[in-house]
């Protein structure tokens, strides 16, 4: 088996036409198509705004407290 890399254009009908070198014999071949999808142009980049979620998140007072041994052993799971 040999590999051959060619560049081709995809038509509006989603077809690819390739002209192969003369030393390739006719018959069945396996074709692998690699492509990079275009990024959607419909999306508009939204910038994050510092503090936009202020007051919407609460952290409990015991957040930094040590977890009980039952948490680590899975006894009360």
C-alpha atoms as a PDB file:
ATOM      1  CA  UNK A   1       0.000   0.000   0.000  1.00  0.00           C
ATOM      2  CA  UNK A   2       1.248   3.472  -0.821  1.00  0.00           C
ATOM      3  CA  UNK A   3       0.030   6.903   0.210  1.00  0.00           C
ATOM      4  CA  UNK A   4      -0.384   9.873  -2.060  1.00  0.00           C
ATOM      5  CA  UNK A   5      -1.217  13.382  -0.893  1.00  0.00           C
ATOM      6  CA  UNK A   6      -3.122  15.646  -3.275  1.00  0.00           C
ATOM      7  CA  UNK A   7      -4.895  18.921  -2.704  1.00  0.00           C
ATOM      8  CA  UNK A   8      -8.410  19.260  -4.091  1.00  0.00           C
ATOM      9  CA  UNK A   9     -11.337  21.640  -4.016  1.00  0.00           C
ATOM     10  CA  UNK A  10     -14.779  20.601  -2.820  1.00  0.00           C
ATOM     11  CA  UNK A  11     -17.532  21.719  -5.209  1.00  0.00           C
ATOM     12  CA  UNK A  12     -20.886  23.190  -4.174  1.00  0.00           C
ATOM     13  CA  UNK A  13     -22.297  19.680  -4.670  1.00  0.00           C
ATOM     14  CA  UNK A  14     -19.765  18.406  -2.105  1.00  0.00           C
ATOM     15  CA  UNK A  15     -17.797  16.513  -4.748  1.00  0.00           C
ATOM     16  CA  UNK A  16     -14.060  16.163  -5.201  1.00  0.00           C
ATOM     17  CA  UNK A  17     -12.469  15.606  -8.607  1.00  0.00           C
ATOM     18  CA  UNK A  18      -8.928  14.228  -8.592  1.00  0.00           C
ATOM     19  CA  UNK A  19      -6.534  13.702 -11.449  1.00  0.00           C
ATOM     20  CA  UNK A  20      -4.111  10.949 -10.468  1.00  0.00           C
ATOM     21  CA  UNK A  21      -0.592  10.422 -11.802  1.00  0.00           C
ATOM     22  CA  UNK A  22      -0.252   8.071 -14.814  1.00  0.00           C
ATOM     23  CA  UNK A  23       1.672   5.411 -12.887  1.00  0.00           C
ATOM     24  CA  UNK A  24      -1.375   4.566 -10.753  1.00  0.00           C
ATOM     25  CA  UNK A  25      -3.273   1.607 -12.208  1.00  0.00           C
ATOM     26  CA  UNK A  26      -7.030   1.724 -12.535  1.00  0.00           C
ATOM     27  CA  UNK A  27      -9.170  -0.243 -10.097  1.00  0.00           C
ATOM     28  CA  UNK A  28     -10.555   0.174  -6.623  1.00  0.00           C
ATOM     29  CA  UNK A  29      -8.758   2.475  -4.212  1.00  0.00           C
ATOM     30  CA  UNK A  30      -9.340   3.580  -0.669  1.00  0.00           C
ATOM     31  CA  UNK A  31      -9.755   7.339  -0.231  1.00  0.00           C
ATOM     32  CA  UNK A  32      -9.342   9.151   3.088  1.00  0.00           C
ATOM     33  CA  UNK A  33     -10.493  12.766   3.263  1.00  0.00           C
ATOM     34  CA  UNK A  34      -9.003  15.052   5.900  1.00  0.00           C
ATOM     35  CA  UNK A  35     -10.477  18.504   6.334  1.00  0.00           C
ATOM     36  CA  UNK A  36     -10.642  21.326   8.830  1.00  0.00           C
ATOM     37  CA  UNK A  37     -14.188  22.586   9.363  1.00  0.00           C
ATOM     38  CA  UNK A  38     -14.645  26.309   8.990  1.00  0.00           C
ATOM     39  CA  UNK A  39     -15.441  28.117  12.181  1.00  0.00           C
ATOM     40  CA  UNK A  40     -19.023  29.288  12.335  1.00  0.00           C
ATOM     41  CA  UNK A  41     -19.251  32.915  11.362  1.00  0.00           C
ATOM     42  CA  UNK A  42     -22.695  33.268  12.923  1.00  0.00           C
ATOM     43  CA  UNK A  43     -21.229  33.319  16.390  1.00  0.00           C
ATOM     44  CA  UNK A  44     -20.207  36.638  17.763  1.00  0.00           C
ATOM     45  CA  UNK A  45     -17.538  36.602  20.411  1.00  0.00           C
ATOM     46  CA  UNK A  46     -18.863  37.838  23.722  1.00  0.00           C
ATOM     47  CA  UNK A  47     -16.429  39.277  26.176  1.00  0.00           C
ATOM     48  CA  UNK A  48     -16.728  38.336  29.801  1.00  0.00           C
ATOM     49  CA  UNK A  49     -17.462  41.178  32.129  1.00  0.00           C
ATOM     50  CA  UNK A  50     -15.764  41.238  35.512  1.00  0.00           C
ATOM     51  CA  UNK A  51     -18.333  41.028  38.308  1.00  0.00           C
ATOM     52  CA  UNK A  52     -21.238  40.051  36.075  1.00  0.00           C
ATOM     53  CA  UNK A  53     -22.315  37.322  38.529  1.00  0.00           C
ATOM     54  CA  UNK A  54     -21.691  39.307  41.714  1.00  0.00           C
ATOM     55  CA  UNK A  55     -24.187  38.380  44.428  1.00  0.00           C
ATOM     56  CA  UNK A  56     -25.391  35.248  42.615  1.00  0.00           C
ATOM     57  CA  UNK A  57     -22.956  32.826  44.252  1.00  0.00           C
ATOM     58  CA  UNK A  58     -22.755  32.050  47.958  1.00  0.00           C
ATOM     59  CA  UNK A  59     -19.973  30.180  49.739  1.00  0.00           C
ATOM     60  CA  UNK A  60     -20.875  28.648  53.070  1.00  0.00           C
ATOM     61  CA  UNK A  61     -19.062  29.700  56.225  1.00  0.00           C
ATOM     62  CA  UNK A  62     -17.580  26.192  56.730  1.00  0.00           C
ATOM     63  CA  UNK A  63     -16.075  26.025  53.213  1.00  0.00           C
ATOM     64  CA  UNK A  64     -12.488  25.832  54.509  1.00  0.00           C
ATOM     65  CA  UNK A  65     -13.258  23.453  57.401  1.00  0.00           C
ATOM     66  CA  UNK A  66     -11.708  19.988  57.445  1.00  0.00           C
ATOM     67  CA  UNK A  67     -13.914  17.291  55.935  1.00  0.00           C
ATOM     68  CA  UNK A  68     -14.976  14.464  58.276  1.00  0.00           C
ATOM     69  CA  UNK A  69     -13.369  11.014  58.037  1.00  0.00           C
ATOM     70  CA  UNK A  70     -16.699   9.562  56.877  1.00  0.00           C
ATOM     71  CA  UNK A  71     -16.395  11.700  53.751  1.00  0.00           C
ATOM     72  CA  UNK A  72     -13.056  10.128  52.815  1.00  0.00           C
ATOM     73  CA  UNK A  73     -14.067   6.571  53.742  1.00  0.00           C
ATOM     74  CA  UNK A  74     -17.405   6.751  51.931  1.00  0.00           C
ATOM     75  CA  UNK A  75     -19.333   5.384  54.897  1.00  0.00           C
ATOM     76  CA  UNK A  76     -22.358   7.672  54.512  1.00  0.00           C
ATOM     77  CA  UNK A  77     -22.482   7.567  50.716  1.00  0.00           C
END
